[in-house]
N, C-alpha and C. Protein backbone atom coordinates (compact mmCIF):
# COMPACT_ATOMS: atom_id res chain seq x y z
N MET A 1 -6.81 1.25 13.13
CA MET A 1 -7.46 2.55 12.98
C MET A 1 -8.89 2.24 12.49
N SER A 2 -9.87 3.02 13.04
CA SER A 2 -11.16 2.85 12.47
C SER A 2 -11.35 3.59 11.26
N SER A 3 -12.23 3.12 10.43
CA SER A 3 -12.61 3.77 9.25
C SER A 3 -14.11 3.49 8.83
N GLU A 4 -14.55 3.97 7.68
CA GLU A 4 -15.95 3.77 7.31
C GLU A 4 -16.15 2.22 6.94
N ALA A 5 -15.03 1.66 6.39
CA ALA A 5 -15.10 0.15 6.00
C ALA A 5 -14.94 -0.60 7.27
N CYS A 6 -14.27 -0.23 8.32
CA CYS A 6 -13.90 -1.02 9.51
C CYS A 6 -14.10 -0.09 10.73
N PRO A 7 -15.39 0.17 11.12
CA PRO A 7 -15.64 1.18 12.13
C PRO A 7 -15.19 0.64 13.55
N LYS A 8 -15.04 -0.58 13.81
CA LYS A 8 -14.60 -1.07 15.11
C LYS A 8 -13.44 -2.16 14.96
N PRO A 9 -12.28 -1.66 14.58
CA PRO A 9 -11.13 -2.63 14.38
C PRO A 9 -10.78 -3.24 15.78
N PRO A 10 -10.19 -4.51 15.69
CA PRO A 10 -9.75 -5.15 16.86
C PRO A 10 -8.58 -4.29 17.55
N GLY A 11 -8.49 -4.37 18.79
CA GLY A 11 -7.47 -3.67 19.63
C GLY A 11 -6.19 -4.41 19.44
N PRO A 12 -5.10 -3.93 20.01
CA PRO A 12 -3.81 -4.53 19.86
C PRO A 12 -3.81 -5.93 20.67
N ALA A 13 -3.01 -6.81 20.40
CA ALA A 13 -2.84 -8.07 21.04
C ALA A 13 -1.68 -7.96 21.90
N ALA A 14 -1.62 -8.90 22.89
CA ALA A 14 -0.48 -8.94 23.90
C ALA A 14 0.74 -9.10 23.11
N GLY A 15 1.65 -8.29 23.47
CA GLY A 15 3.02 -8.31 22.84
C GLY A 15 3.17 -7.47 21.58
N ASP A 16 2.10 -6.81 21.18
CA ASP A 16 2.25 -5.91 19.99
C ASP A 16 3.10 -4.69 20.42
N GLY A 17 3.84 -4.18 19.58
CA GLY A 17 4.55 -2.93 19.86
C GLY A 17 3.73 -1.70 19.52
N LYS A 18 4.41 -0.63 19.69
CA LYS A 18 3.80 0.58 19.38
C LYS A 18 3.79 0.86 17.86
N VAL A 19 2.62 1.42 17.36
CA VAL A 19 2.47 1.75 15.93
C VAL A 19 2.16 3.20 15.71
N ARG A 20 2.58 3.82 14.74
CA ARG A 20 2.22 5.14 14.35
C ARG A 20 1.97 5.13 12.86
N TYR A 21 0.84 5.67 12.52
CA TYR A 21 0.45 5.80 11.03
C TYR A 21 0.47 7.29 10.78
N LEU A 22 1.29 7.77 9.99
CA LEU A 22 1.42 9.16 9.75
C LEU A 22 0.94 9.58 8.29
N ALA A 23 -0.35 9.89 8.13
CA ALA A 23 -0.87 10.34 6.83
C ALA A 23 -0.37 11.74 6.60
N GLY A 24 -0.26 12.15 5.36
CA GLY A 24 -0.01 13.48 4.96
C GLY A 24 1.50 13.78 5.13
N GLN A 25 2.31 12.88 5.24
CA GLN A 25 3.76 13.07 5.38
C GLN A 25 4.48 12.55 4.15
N ARG A 26 5.57 13.14 3.83
CA ARG A 26 6.35 12.74 2.64
C ARG A 26 7.75 12.32 3.15
N VAL A 27 8.12 11.05 3.06
CA VAL A 27 9.47 10.58 3.45
C VAL A 27 10.47 11.33 2.47
N THR A 28 11.51 11.87 3.16
CA THR A 28 12.58 12.53 2.43
C THR A 28 13.89 11.84 2.55
N ALA A 29 14.16 11.03 3.58
CA ALA A 29 15.40 10.32 3.69
C ALA A 29 15.22 9.22 4.79
N LEU A 30 15.96 8.07 4.61
CA LEU A 30 16.06 7.00 5.58
C LEU A 30 17.51 6.98 6.00
N GLU A 31 17.69 6.70 7.30
CA GLU A 31 19.06 6.66 7.76
C GLU A 31 19.18 5.52 8.78
N ASN A 32 20.18 4.60 8.53
CA ASN A 32 20.40 3.55 9.41
C ASN A 32 20.95 3.98 10.76
N ARG A 33 20.33 3.49 11.90
CA ARG A 33 20.73 3.89 13.16
C ARG A 33 21.89 2.81 13.64
N PRO A 34 22.98 3.36 14.22
CA PRO A 34 24.05 2.48 14.63
C PRO A 34 23.64 1.26 15.55
N ALA A 35 22.64 1.56 16.44
CA ALA A 35 22.10 0.54 17.43
C ALA A 35 21.05 -0.35 16.72
N GLY A 36 20.72 -0.11 15.43
CA GLY A 36 19.67 -0.88 14.76
C GLY A 36 18.51 -0.05 14.44
N GLY A 37 17.73 -0.51 13.46
CA GLY A 37 16.57 0.24 13.13
C GLY A 37 16.87 1.43 12.20
N LEU A 38 15.89 2.29 11.95
CA LEU A 38 16.03 3.40 11.13
C LEU A 38 15.59 4.74 11.72
N THR A 39 16.12 5.80 11.20
CA THR A 39 15.55 7.08 11.42
C THR A 39 14.88 7.47 10.07
N VAL A 40 13.61 7.83 10.23
CA VAL A 40 12.90 8.24 9.03
C VAL A 40 12.68 9.78 9.05
N HIS A 41 13.23 10.48 7.95
CA HIS A 41 13.11 11.85 7.93
C HIS A 41 11.96 12.21 6.87
N TYR A 42 11.04 13.05 7.34
CA TYR A 42 9.94 13.35 6.55
C TYR A 42 9.49 14.79 6.68
N GLU A 43 8.50 15.23 5.76
CA GLU A 43 7.97 16.48 5.95
C GLU A 43 6.45 16.49 5.80
N ASP A 44 5.83 17.40 6.49
CA ASP A 44 4.41 17.51 6.38
C ASP A 44 4.06 18.15 5.03
N VAL A 45 3.21 17.50 4.30
CA VAL A 45 2.84 18.00 2.91
C VAL A 45 2.16 19.36 2.89
N ASN A 46 1.44 19.63 3.97
CA ASN A 46 0.73 20.95 4.10
C ASN A 46 1.53 22.05 4.58
N THR A 47 2.40 21.80 5.67
CA THR A 47 3.07 22.86 6.36
C THR A 47 4.62 22.93 5.89
N GLN A 48 5.07 21.81 5.22
CA GLN A 48 6.52 21.67 4.87
C GLN A 48 7.36 21.70 6.14
N THR A 49 6.79 21.33 7.31
CA THR A 49 7.61 21.14 8.51
C THR A 49 8.39 19.87 8.42
N GLN A 50 9.66 19.96 8.68
CA GLN A 50 10.64 18.79 8.62
C GLN A 50 10.60 18.14 10.03
N ARG A 51 10.52 16.78 9.95
CA ARG A 51 10.54 15.96 11.18
C ARG A 51 11.25 14.75 10.99
N SER A 52 11.45 13.90 12.11
CA SER A 52 12.10 12.60 11.97
C SER A 52 11.57 11.85 13.11
N ILE A 53 11.63 10.47 12.88
CA ILE A 53 11.14 9.47 13.88
C ILE A 53 12.01 8.20 13.81
N ASP A 54 12.36 7.63 14.89
CA ASP A 54 13.14 6.44 14.94
C ASP A 54 12.17 5.23 14.97
N ALA A 55 12.57 4.22 14.20
CA ALA A 55 11.69 3.04 14.07
C ALA A 55 12.48 1.76 13.89
N ASP A 56 11.88 0.70 14.41
CA ASP A 56 12.55 -0.68 14.30
C ASP A 56 12.03 -1.35 12.95
N LEU A 57 10.86 -0.92 12.49
CA LEU A 57 10.31 -1.48 11.34
C LEU A 57 9.60 -0.34 10.64
N VAL A 58 9.76 -0.17 9.31
CA VAL A 58 9.18 0.86 8.50
C VAL A 58 8.48 0.16 7.36
N ILE A 59 7.16 0.40 7.15
CA ILE A 59 6.49 -0.18 6.04
C ILE A 59 6.15 0.98 5.10
N GLY A 60 6.72 1.01 3.87
CA GLY A 60 6.50 1.98 2.89
C GLY A 60 5.35 1.63 2.02
N ALA A 61 4.22 2.06 2.33
CA ALA A 61 2.99 1.78 1.53
C ALA A 61 2.64 3.01 0.75
N ASP A 62 3.58 3.48 -0.04
CA ASP A 62 3.38 4.70 -0.75
C ASP A 62 3.19 4.54 -2.26
N GLY A 63 2.70 3.34 -2.71
CA GLY A 63 2.21 3.20 -4.10
C GLY A 63 3.25 2.86 -5.00
N VAL A 64 2.85 2.78 -6.34
CA VAL A 64 3.55 2.32 -7.39
C VAL A 64 4.91 3.12 -7.78
N HIS A 65 4.81 4.39 -7.43
CA HIS A 65 5.95 5.31 -7.65
C HIS A 65 6.64 5.55 -6.27
N SER A 66 6.89 4.46 -5.59
CA SER A 66 7.33 4.56 -4.19
C SER A 66 8.64 5.29 -3.94
N THR A 67 8.57 6.31 -3.10
CA THR A 67 9.76 7.09 -2.69
C THR A 67 10.54 6.19 -1.74
N VAL A 68 9.82 5.48 -0.94
CA VAL A 68 10.51 4.60 0.09
C VAL A 68 11.36 3.55 -0.63
N ARG A 69 10.84 2.92 -1.65
CA ARG A 69 11.54 1.93 -2.41
C ARG A 69 12.76 2.53 -3.03
N GLN A 70 12.62 3.68 -3.62
CA GLN A 70 13.77 4.44 -4.20
C GLN A 70 14.86 4.77 -3.23
N LEU A 71 14.46 5.20 -1.99
CA LEU A 71 15.42 5.44 -0.93
C LEU A 71 16.09 4.20 -0.39
N VAL A 72 15.44 3.08 -0.40
CA VAL A 72 16.02 1.94 0.09
C VAL A 72 17.04 1.25 -0.87
N ASN A 73 16.70 1.33 -2.17
CA ASN A 73 17.48 0.79 -3.25
C ASN A 73 17.38 1.68 -4.52
N ALA A 74 18.27 2.72 -4.61
CA ALA A 74 18.11 3.62 -5.76
C ALA A 74 18.49 2.99 -7.08
N SER A 75 19.10 1.79 -7.00
CA SER A 75 19.47 1.18 -8.38
C SER A 75 18.23 0.41 -8.96
N VAL A 76 17.14 0.27 -8.20
CA VAL A 76 16.01 -0.32 -8.75
C VAL A 76 15.08 0.67 -9.47
N LYS A 77 14.87 0.53 -10.73
CA LYS A 77 14.20 1.49 -11.54
C LYS A 77 12.96 0.87 -12.11
N GLN A 78 11.92 1.70 -12.17
CA GLN A 78 10.69 1.22 -12.78
C GLN A 78 10.78 1.24 -14.22
N SER A 79 10.09 0.17 -14.81
CA SER A 79 10.07 0.21 -16.35
C SER A 79 8.74 -0.36 -16.73
N TYR A 80 8.30 -0.04 -17.83
CA TYR A 80 7.05 -0.48 -18.33
C TYR A 80 7.15 -1.99 -18.64
N THR A 81 6.27 -2.83 -18.23
CA THR A 81 6.26 -4.27 -18.32
C THR A 81 5.56 -4.78 -19.61
N GLY A 82 4.91 -3.88 -20.23
CA GLY A 82 4.28 -4.30 -21.50
C GLY A 82 2.74 -4.47 -21.39
N TYR A 83 2.15 -4.17 -20.27
CA TYR A 83 0.80 -4.24 -20.17
C TYR A 83 0.13 -3.16 -19.28
N VAL A 84 -1.17 -2.93 -19.39
CA VAL A 84 -1.85 -1.98 -18.42
C VAL A 84 -2.87 -2.81 -17.71
N ALA A 85 -2.95 -2.52 -16.42
CA ALA A 85 -4.01 -3.09 -15.60
C ALA A 85 -5.14 -2.21 -15.40
N TRP A 86 -6.32 -2.67 -15.73
CA TRP A 86 -7.58 -1.94 -15.44
C TRP A 86 -8.30 -2.52 -14.38
N ARG A 87 -8.72 -1.67 -13.48
CA ARG A 87 -9.66 -2.16 -12.29
C ARG A 87 -11.00 -1.42 -12.36
N GLY A 88 -11.96 -2.14 -11.77
CA GLY A 88 -13.27 -1.45 -11.83
C GLY A 88 -14.14 -2.27 -10.85
N THR A 89 -15.19 -1.62 -10.31
CA THR A 89 -16.08 -2.28 -9.51
C THR A 89 -17.44 -1.90 -9.91
N LEU A 90 -18.42 -2.70 -9.48
CA LEU A 90 -19.82 -2.40 -9.74
C LEU A 90 -20.76 -2.98 -8.58
N PRO A 91 -21.85 -2.52 -8.35
CA PRO A 91 -22.64 -3.04 -7.31
C PRO A 91 -23.15 -4.38 -7.60
N ALA A 92 -23.13 -5.30 -6.64
CA ALA A 92 -23.50 -6.69 -6.89
C ALA A 92 -24.92 -6.75 -7.46
N LYS A 93 -25.87 -5.86 -6.97
CA LYS A 93 -27.23 -5.81 -7.40
C LYS A 93 -27.40 -5.60 -8.94
N SER A 94 -26.34 -5.01 -9.54
CA SER A 94 -26.43 -4.76 -11.05
C SER A 94 -26.04 -5.95 -11.88
N VAL A 95 -25.71 -7.10 -11.35
CA VAL A 95 -25.44 -8.35 -12.19
C VAL A 95 -26.50 -9.37 -11.77
N SER A 96 -26.70 -10.34 -12.55
CA SER A 96 -27.59 -11.41 -12.29
C SER A 96 -27.26 -12.36 -11.16
N PRO A 97 -28.17 -12.95 -10.53
CA PRO A 97 -27.81 -14.03 -9.53
C PRO A 97 -26.95 -15.13 -10.14
N GLU A 98 -27.16 -15.45 -11.37
CA GLU A 98 -26.28 -16.47 -12.02
C GLU A 98 -24.87 -16.02 -12.15
N THR A 99 -24.64 -14.77 -12.48
CA THR A 99 -23.31 -14.21 -12.60
C THR A 99 -22.62 -14.15 -11.16
N LEU A 100 -23.39 -13.74 -10.21
CA LEU A 100 -22.83 -13.72 -8.82
C LEU A 100 -22.42 -15.12 -8.34
N LYS A 101 -23.31 -16.01 -8.70
CA LYS A 101 -22.98 -17.43 -8.30
C LYS A 101 -21.70 -17.94 -8.97
N HIS A 102 -21.64 -17.62 -10.27
CA HIS A 102 -20.43 -18.10 -11.05
C HIS A 102 -19.14 -17.55 -10.50
N PHE A 103 -19.11 -16.28 -10.04
CA PHE A 103 -17.89 -15.68 -9.64
C PHE A 103 -17.68 -15.83 -8.19
N SER A 104 -18.58 -16.34 -7.47
CA SER A 104 -18.50 -16.39 -5.97
C SER A 104 -17.35 -17.33 -5.56
N ASN A 105 -16.43 -16.86 -4.77
CA ASN A 105 -15.37 -17.71 -4.20
C ASN A 105 -14.55 -18.20 -5.24
N SER A 106 -14.17 -17.45 -6.30
CA SER A 106 -13.38 -17.98 -7.43
C SER A 106 -12.61 -16.82 -7.97
N GLN A 107 -11.57 -17.27 -8.71
CA GLN A 107 -10.73 -16.29 -9.49
C GLN A 107 -10.69 -16.79 -10.90
N VAL A 108 -10.97 -15.97 -11.84
CA VAL A 108 -10.90 -16.33 -13.22
C VAL A 108 -9.74 -15.55 -13.98
N PHE A 109 -9.00 -16.27 -14.78
CA PHE A 109 -7.91 -15.72 -15.56
C PHE A 109 -8.08 -16.01 -16.98
N ASN A 110 -8.17 -14.97 -17.82
CA ASN A 110 -8.33 -15.27 -19.30
C ASN A 110 -7.14 -14.63 -19.93
N LEU A 111 -6.54 -15.42 -20.75
CA LEU A 111 -5.25 -14.83 -21.52
C LEU A 111 -5.73 -14.83 -23.00
N ALA A 112 -5.54 -13.56 -23.43
CA ALA A 112 -5.89 -13.26 -24.87
C ALA A 112 -4.69 -12.61 -25.49
N ARG A 113 -4.75 -12.52 -26.88
CA ARG A 113 -3.65 -11.95 -27.62
C ARG A 113 -3.31 -10.54 -27.13
N GLY A 114 -2.16 -10.31 -26.58
CA GLY A 114 -1.76 -8.94 -26.14
C GLY A 114 -2.32 -8.48 -24.81
N THR A 115 -3.10 -9.34 -24.20
CA THR A 115 -3.79 -8.90 -22.96
C THR A 115 -4.15 -9.97 -22.03
N TYR A 116 -4.61 -9.75 -20.91
CA TYR A 116 -5.29 -10.74 -20.06
C TYR A 116 -6.23 -10.20 -19.12
N LEU A 117 -7.12 -10.95 -18.54
CA LEU A 117 -8.14 -10.53 -17.61
C LEU A 117 -8.08 -11.33 -16.36
N VAL A 118 -8.14 -10.81 -15.18
CA VAL A 118 -8.32 -11.42 -13.99
C VAL A 118 -9.52 -10.84 -13.30
N TRP A 119 -10.38 -11.79 -12.92
CA TRP A 119 -11.54 -11.29 -12.12
C TRP A 119 -12.04 -12.30 -11.18
């Protein structure tokens, strides 16, 4: 799919299957099909229209409070792991050339008492 970040994405490769990306939909149930694959039941978040679609592969990219994960395995519960992750960005022009060079093509991990930083 094209976007502001990737205005001209590559097309499908030979052998790729069909893909549907359904934004603005809320998964309500997953059902195993006898012949294989899944039926995904969902509703439109704006109109509350109920629909379903059959799929061989479903990717649930619905975030940290994943409904899809809960539907696949209801016994898995989220719990606080003891830390908070902070994320932030800034324009590269707002840091010195030395700083840019230091962090270019690298990952830094700092462990401190009760916290850690990755950048």
